[in-house]
C-alpha atoms as a PDB file:
ATOM      1  CA  MET A   1     130.049 130.976 263.901  1.00  0.00           C
ATOM      2  CA  ASN A   2     132.207 129.836 261.499  1.00  0.00           C
ATOM      3  CA  ARG A   3     131.354 127.290 258.848  1.00  0.00           C
ATOM      4  CA  TYR A   4     134.053 125.359 258.741  1.00  0.00           C
ATOM      5  CA  ALA A   5     135.156 122.869 260.690  1.00  0.00           C
ATOM      6  CA  GLY A   6     138.614 123.298 260.843  1.00  0.00           C
ATOM      7  CA  GLY A   7     138.256 126.959 260.072  1.00  0.00           C
ATOM      8  CA  GLY A   8     141.946 127.553 260.200  1.00  0.00           C
ATOM      9  CA  ALA A   9     144.486 128.485 262.965  1.00  0.00           C
ATOM     10  CA  GLU A  10     142.362 131.228 263.617  1.00  0.00           C
ATOM     11  CA  ALA A  11     139.732 128.972 264.539  1.00  0.00           C
ATOM     12  CA  ALA A  12     141.914 126.896 266.867  1.00  0.00           C
ATOM     13  CA  GLY A  13     142.929 129.774 268.801  1.00  0.00           C
ATOM     14  CA  GLY A  14     146.322 130.266 266.590  1.00  0.00           C
ATOM     15  CA  THR A  15     146.964 134.017 265.056  1.00  0.00           C
ATOM     16  CA  GLY A  16     146.790 132.771 262.017  1.00  0.00           C
ATOM     17  CA  GLU A  17     150.409 134.450 261.068  1.00  0.00           C
ATOM     18  CA  GLY A  18     152.280 131.935 259.071  1.00  0.00           C
ATOM     19  CA  ALA A  19     152.269 128.149 258.042  1.00  0.00           C
ATOM     20  CA  GLY A  20     154.755 125.975 259.666  1.00  0.00           C
ATOM     21  CA  ALA A  21     154.382 123.572 262.404  1.00  0.00           C
ATOM     22  CA  GLY A  22     151.956 126.175 264.795  1.00  0.00           C
ATOM     23  CA  GLY A  23     149.565 125.559 262.241  1.00  0.00           C
ATOM     24  CA  GLU A  24     149.668 121.592 261.279  1.00  0.00           C
ATOM     25  CA  ALA A  25     149.722 121.458 265.463  1.00  0.00           C
ATOM     26  CA  ALA A  26     146.258 123.491 265.497  1.00  0.00           C
ATOM     27  CA  GLY A  27     145.279 121.914 262.598  1.00  0.00           C
ATOM     28  CA  ALA A  28     145.696 118.370 264.237  1.00  0.00           C
ATOM     29  CA  ARG A  29     144.176 119.755 267.516  1.00  0.00           C
ATOM     30  CA  ALA A  30     140.770 120.617 265.360  1.00  0.00           C
ATOM     31  CA  ALA A  31     140.650 117.762 264.066  1.00  0.00           C
ATOM     32  CA  GLY A  32     140.657 115.631 267.227  1.00  0.00           C
ATOM     33  CA  VAL A  33     142.407 112.610 268.463  1.00  0.00           C
ATOM     34  CA  GLY A  34     143.695 111.395 264.393  1.00  0.00           C
ATOM     35  CA  GLY A  35     140.631 111.954 262.298  1.00  0.00           C
ATOM     36  CA  ALA A  36     140.106 113.969 259.076  1.00  0.00           C
ATOM     37  CA  ARG A  37     138.535 117.121 259.909  1.00  0.00           C
ATOM     38  CA  GLY A  38     134.895 117.413 257.885  1.00  0.00           C
ATOM     39  CA  LEU A  39     134.737 120.986 255.956  1.00  0.00           C
ATOM     40  CA  TRP A  40     131.563 121.652 256.711  1.00  0.00           C
ATOM     41  CA  VAL A  41     129.367 121.690 259.521  1.00  0.00           C
ATOM     42  CA  GLU A  42     125.533 121.526 259.225  1.00  0.00           C
ATOM     43  CA  GLU A  43     123.182 124.517 260.778  1.00  0.00           C
ATOM     44  CA  PRO A  44     120.086 123.459 262.174  1.00  0.00           C
ATOM     45  CA  ALA A  45     117.078 125.016 259.986  1.00  0.00           C
ATOM     46  CA  ARG A  46     115.415 128.130 261.083  1.00  0.00           C
ATOM     47  CA  ARG A  47     112.173 127.616 259.357  1.00  0.00           C
ATOM     48  CA  ARG A  48     110.380 123.576 259.598  1.00  0.00           C
ATOM     49  CA  ARG A  49     110.667 121.940 256.006  1.00  0.00           C
ATOM     50  CA  MET A  50     107.864 122.289 254.232  1.00  0.00           C
ATOM     51  CA  PRO A  51     105.747 118.672 254.105  1.00  0.00           C
ATOM     52  CA  ASP A  52     105.981 116.154 250.428  1.00  0.00           C
ATOM     53  CA  PRO A  53     102.677 117.461 248.642  1.00  0.00           C
ATOM     54  CA  VAL A  54     103.084 121.277 249.306  1.00  0.00           C
ATOM     55  CA  ARG A  55     106.442 121.141 247.969  1.00  0.00           C
ATOM     56  CA  THR A  56     105.907 119.100 245.554  1.00  0.00           C
ATOM     57  CA  SER A  57     103.197 121.478 243.981  1.00  0.00           C
ATOM     58  CA  ALA A  58     105.400 124.701 244.657  1.00  0.00           C
ATOM     59  CA  VAL A  59     108.428 123.557 243.150  1.00  0.00           C
ATOM     60  CA  ARG A  60     105.615 122.272 240.297  1.00  0.00           C
ATOM     61  CA  ALA A  61     104.458 126.643 240.762  1.00  0.00           C
ATOM     62  CA  VAL A  62     108.237 127.699 240.252  1.00  0.00           C
ATOM     63  CA  LEU A  63     109.318 125.845 237.731  1.00  0.00           C
ATOM     64  CA  ILE A  64     105.259 127.084 235.579  1.00  0.00           C
ATOM     65  CA  VAL A  65     106.063 130.530 236.487  1.00  0.00           C
ATOM     66  CA  ALA A  66     109.873 130.088 235.444  1.00  0.00           C
ATOM     67  CA  VAL A  67     108.467 129.237 231.912  1.00  0.00           C
ATOM     68  CA  THR A  68     105.712 131.392 231.646  1.00  0.00           C
ATOM     69  CA  LEU A  69     108.577 134.455 232.262  1.00  0.00           C
ATOM     70  CA  THR A  70     110.305 133.302 229.424  1.00  0.00           C
ATOM     71  CA  GLN A  71     107.853 132.548 227.105  1.00  0.00           C
ATOM     72  CA  ALA A  72     106.382 135.786 228.213  1.00  0.00           C
ATOM     73  CA  THR A  73     110.035 137.574 227.638  1.00  0.00           C
ATOM     74  CA  VAL A  74     110.766 135.566 223.779  1.00  0.00           C
ATOM     75  CA  THR A  75     106.902 136.902 222.660  1.00  0.00           C
ATOM     76  CA  PHE A  76     108.192 140.710 224.059  1.00  0.00           C
ATOM     77  CA  PHE A  77     111.223 140.520 221.154  1.00  0.00           C
ATOM     78  CA  LEU A  78     109.417 138.526 219.151  1.00  0.00           C
ATOM     79  CA  THR A  79     107.002 141.507 218.671  1.00  0.00           C
ATOM     80  CA  LEU A  80     109.983 143.882 219.290  1.00  0.00           C
ATOM     81  CA  THR A  81     111.292 142.336 216.067  1.00  0.00           C
ATOM     82  CA  GLY A  82     107.529 142.054 214.048  1.00  0.00           C
ATOM     83  CA  SER A  83     108.048 138.252 213.505  1.00  0.00           C
ATOM     84  CA  TRP A  84     105.224 136.329 212.335  1.00  0.00           C
ATOM     85  CA  LEU A  85     105.625 133.984 215.440  1.00  0.00           C
ATOM     86  CA  ALA A  86     104.864 137.232 217.607  1.00  0.00           C
ATOM     87  CA  PHE A  87     100.660 136.709 217.888  1.00  0.00           C
ATOM     88  CA  PRO A  88     100.831 132.549 218.162  1.00  0.00           C
ATOM     89  CA  MET A  89     103.685 133.383 220.843  1.00  0.00           C
ATOM     90  CA  ALA A  90     101.646 136.283 223.011  1.00  0.00           C
ATOM     91  CA  LEU A  91      98.670 133.190 222.724  1.00  0.00           C
ATOM     92  CA  GLY A  92     100.860 130.821 224.487  1.00  0.00           C
ATOM     93  CA  ALA A  93     102.526 133.685 226.604  1.00  0.00           C
ATOM     94  CA  VAL A  94      98.040 134.101 227.783  1.00  0.00           C
ATOM     95  CA  ALA A  95      97.450 130.199 228.664  1.00  0.00           C
ATOM     96  CA  GLY A  96     100.742 130.483 230.113  1.00  0.00           C
ATOM     97  CA  THR A  97      99.629 132.997 232.516  1.00  0.00           C
ATOM     98  CA  ILE A  98      96.690 130.451 233.332  1.00  0.00           C
ATOM     99  CA  VAL A  99      98.566 127.467 233.627  1.00  0.00           C
ATOM    100  CA  ALA A 100     100.499 129.760 235.902  1.00  0.00           C
ATOM    101  CA  THR A 101      98.234 131.001 238.347  1.00  0.00           C
ATOM    102  CA  TRP A 102      96.378 128.149 238.905  1.00  0.00           C
ATOM    103  CA  GLY A 103     100.165 126.640 239.403  1.00  0.00           C
ATOM    104  CA  VAL A 104     100.491 129.127 242.323  1.00  0.00           C
ATOM    105  CA  LEU A 105      96.580 128.390 243.425  1.00  0.00           C
ATOM    106  CA  ASP A 106      97.500 124.745 243.539  1.00  0.00           C
ATOM    107  CA  VAL A 107     100.555 125.715 246.314  1.00  0.00           C
ATOM    108  CA  TRP A 108      97.918 127.883 248.585  1.00  0.00           C
ATOM    109  CA  ILE A 109      94.941 125.167 247.852  1.00  0.00           C
ATOM    110  CA  THR A 110      97.402 122.465 249.258  1.00  0.00           C
ATOM    111  CA  ARG A 111      99.151 124.469 252.151  1.00  0.00           C
ATOM    112  CA  GLN A 112      95.219 124.450 253.107  1.00  0.00           C
ATOM    113  CA  THR A 113      94.026 121.030 252.944  1.00  0.00           C
ATOM    114  CA  TRP A 114      97.460 119.884 254.808  1.00  0.00           C
ATOM    115  CA  ASN A 115      96.736 121.866 257.234  1.00  0.00           C
ATOM    116  CA  GLN A 116      93.354 121.349 258.529  1.00  0.00           C
ATOM    117  CA  ARG A 117      93.468 117.299 258.009  1.00  0.00           C
ATOM    118  CA  TYR A 118      97.226 117.309 259.872  1.00  0.00           C
ATOM    119  CA  GLY A 119      96.959 120.294 261.932  1.00  0.00           C
ATOM    120  CA  VAL A 120      98.997 123.367 262.813  1.00  0.00           C
ATOM    121  CA  VAL A 121     100.945 122.990 265.598  1.00  0.00           C
ATOM    122  CA  SER A 122     102.745 125.363 266.033  1.00  0.00           C
ATOM    123  CA  GLU A 123     100.410 128.299 267.331  1.00  0.00           C
ATOM    124  CA  PRO A 124      99.080 127.127 271.368  1.00  0.00           C
ATOM    125  CA  SER A 125      95.851 128.071 270.118  1.00  0.00           C
ATOM    126  CA  SER A 126      95.745 125.435 267.105  1.00  0.00           C
ATOM    127  CA  THR A 127      91.942 124.489 266.135  1.00  0.00           C
ATOM    128  CA  ALA A 128      94.007 120.856 265.864  1.00  0.00           C
ATOM    129  CA  ARG A 129      95.554 120.417 269.423  1.00  0.00           C
ATOM    130  CA  SER A 130      92.225 121.521 270.836  1.00  0.00           C
ATOM    131  CA  ARG A 131      90.322 118.368 268.925  1.00  0.00           C
ATOM    132  CA  ARG A 132      93.500 116.869 270.637  1.00  0.00           C
ATOM    133  CA  ARG A 133      92.535 117.366 273.703  1.00  0.00           C
ATOM    134  CA  GLU A 134      89.136 116.750 273.251  1.00  0.00           C
ATOM    135  CA  ALA A 135      89.701 113.362 271.707  1.00  0.00           C
ATOM    136  CA  ARG A 136      91.903 112.530 275.054  1.00  0.00           C
ATOM    137  CA  ARG A 137      89.453 114.103 277.395  1.00  0.00           C
ATOM    138  CA  ALA A 138      86.558 111.383 275.606  1.00  0.00           C
ATOM    139  CA  ALA A 139      88.972 107.811 275.814  1.00  0.00           C
ATOM    140  CA  LYS A 140      89.722 108.491 279.894  1.00  0.00           C
ATOM    141  CA  SER A 141      86.266 109.139 280.479  1.00  0.00           C
ATOM    142  CA  ALA A 142      85.300 105.753 278.322  1.00  0.00           C
ATOM    143  CA  ARG A 143      88.386 104.154 279.861  1.00  0.00           C
ATOM    144  CA  ALA A 144      87.291 105.085 283.705  1.00  0.00           C
ATOM    145  CA  ALA A 145      83.711 104.320 283.032  1.00  0.00           C
ATOM    146  CA  ARG A 146      84.691 100.689 282.041  1.00  0.00           C
ATOM    147  CA  LYS A 147      87.076 100.720 284.994  1.00  0.00           C
ATOM    148  CA  ALA A 148      84.059 101.949 287.232  1.00  0.00           C
ATOM    149  CA  ALA A 149      81.895  98.957 285.550  1.00  0.00           C
ATOM    150  CA  PRO A 150      80.976  95.636 286.622  1.00  0.00           C
ATOM    151  CA  ALA A 151      83.167  93.484 285.055  1.00  0.00           C
ATOM    152  CA  ARG A 152      79.811  91.408 284.436  1.00  0.00           C
ATOM    153  CA  ILE A 153      76.542  90.566 285.637  1.00  0.00           C
ATOM    154  CA  PRO A 154      76.507  86.288 287.276  1.00  0.00           C
ATOM    155  CA  ARG A 155      73.543  84.378 285.284  1.00  0.00           C
ATOM    156  CA  GLU A 156      72.276  82.221 288.343  1.00  0.00           C
ATOM    157  CA  ASP A 157      70.279  80.672 286.176  1.00  0.00           C
ATOM    158  CA  GLY A 158      71.785  79.084 282.378  1.00  0.00           C
ATOM    159  CA  PRO A 159      73.459  76.179 280.503  1.00  0.00           C
ATOM    160  CA  LEU A 160      76.511  76.991 282.185  1.00  0.00           C
ATOM    161  CA  ALA A 161      75.628  77.754 285.869  1.00  0.00           C
ATOM    162  CA  ALA A 162      76.700  74.530 287.160  1.00  0.00           C
ATOM    163  CA  PHE A 163      79.811  75.561 286.612  1.00  0.00           C
ATOM    164  CA  SER A 164      80.708  79.008 288.064  1.00  0.00           C
ATOM    165  CA  ARG A 165      83.308  80.177 290.424  1.00  0.00           C
ATOM    166  CA  ARG A 166      81.462  80.337 294.112  1.00  0.00           C
END
């Protein structure tokens, strides 16, 4: 599929040769009746969007890993030059590696927590689906039991017995 809405004369059925009156007419056909054509056509996403907490932790982890890799690279070059900053940077790189590992584990744990709380609906054998199915069955049977039970037991004696409908 062509990503460009107009796509030039080729998309409108022309040969693409020349920019004369035929090209202008083809552009007018592609644009519709008097409307301006857009340069980009949105395509549907191939994968579902990540939930907000998972995406937030993933962005955080990517930034932490990027800073840690940069720090490790600088540490390597400082070690090659024999600079006095090599040792403090090495300690920082080790600490950064620990923090980066925590960040990646945070993405994994957040994703697992999200899936457990809100269910995995992409699989037919999902636990969440069976739980919802059970809840629907229980609610249906409770409604049926309420409907089958008598509405109220009439009392023959009592302070309002004289006002009962008979």
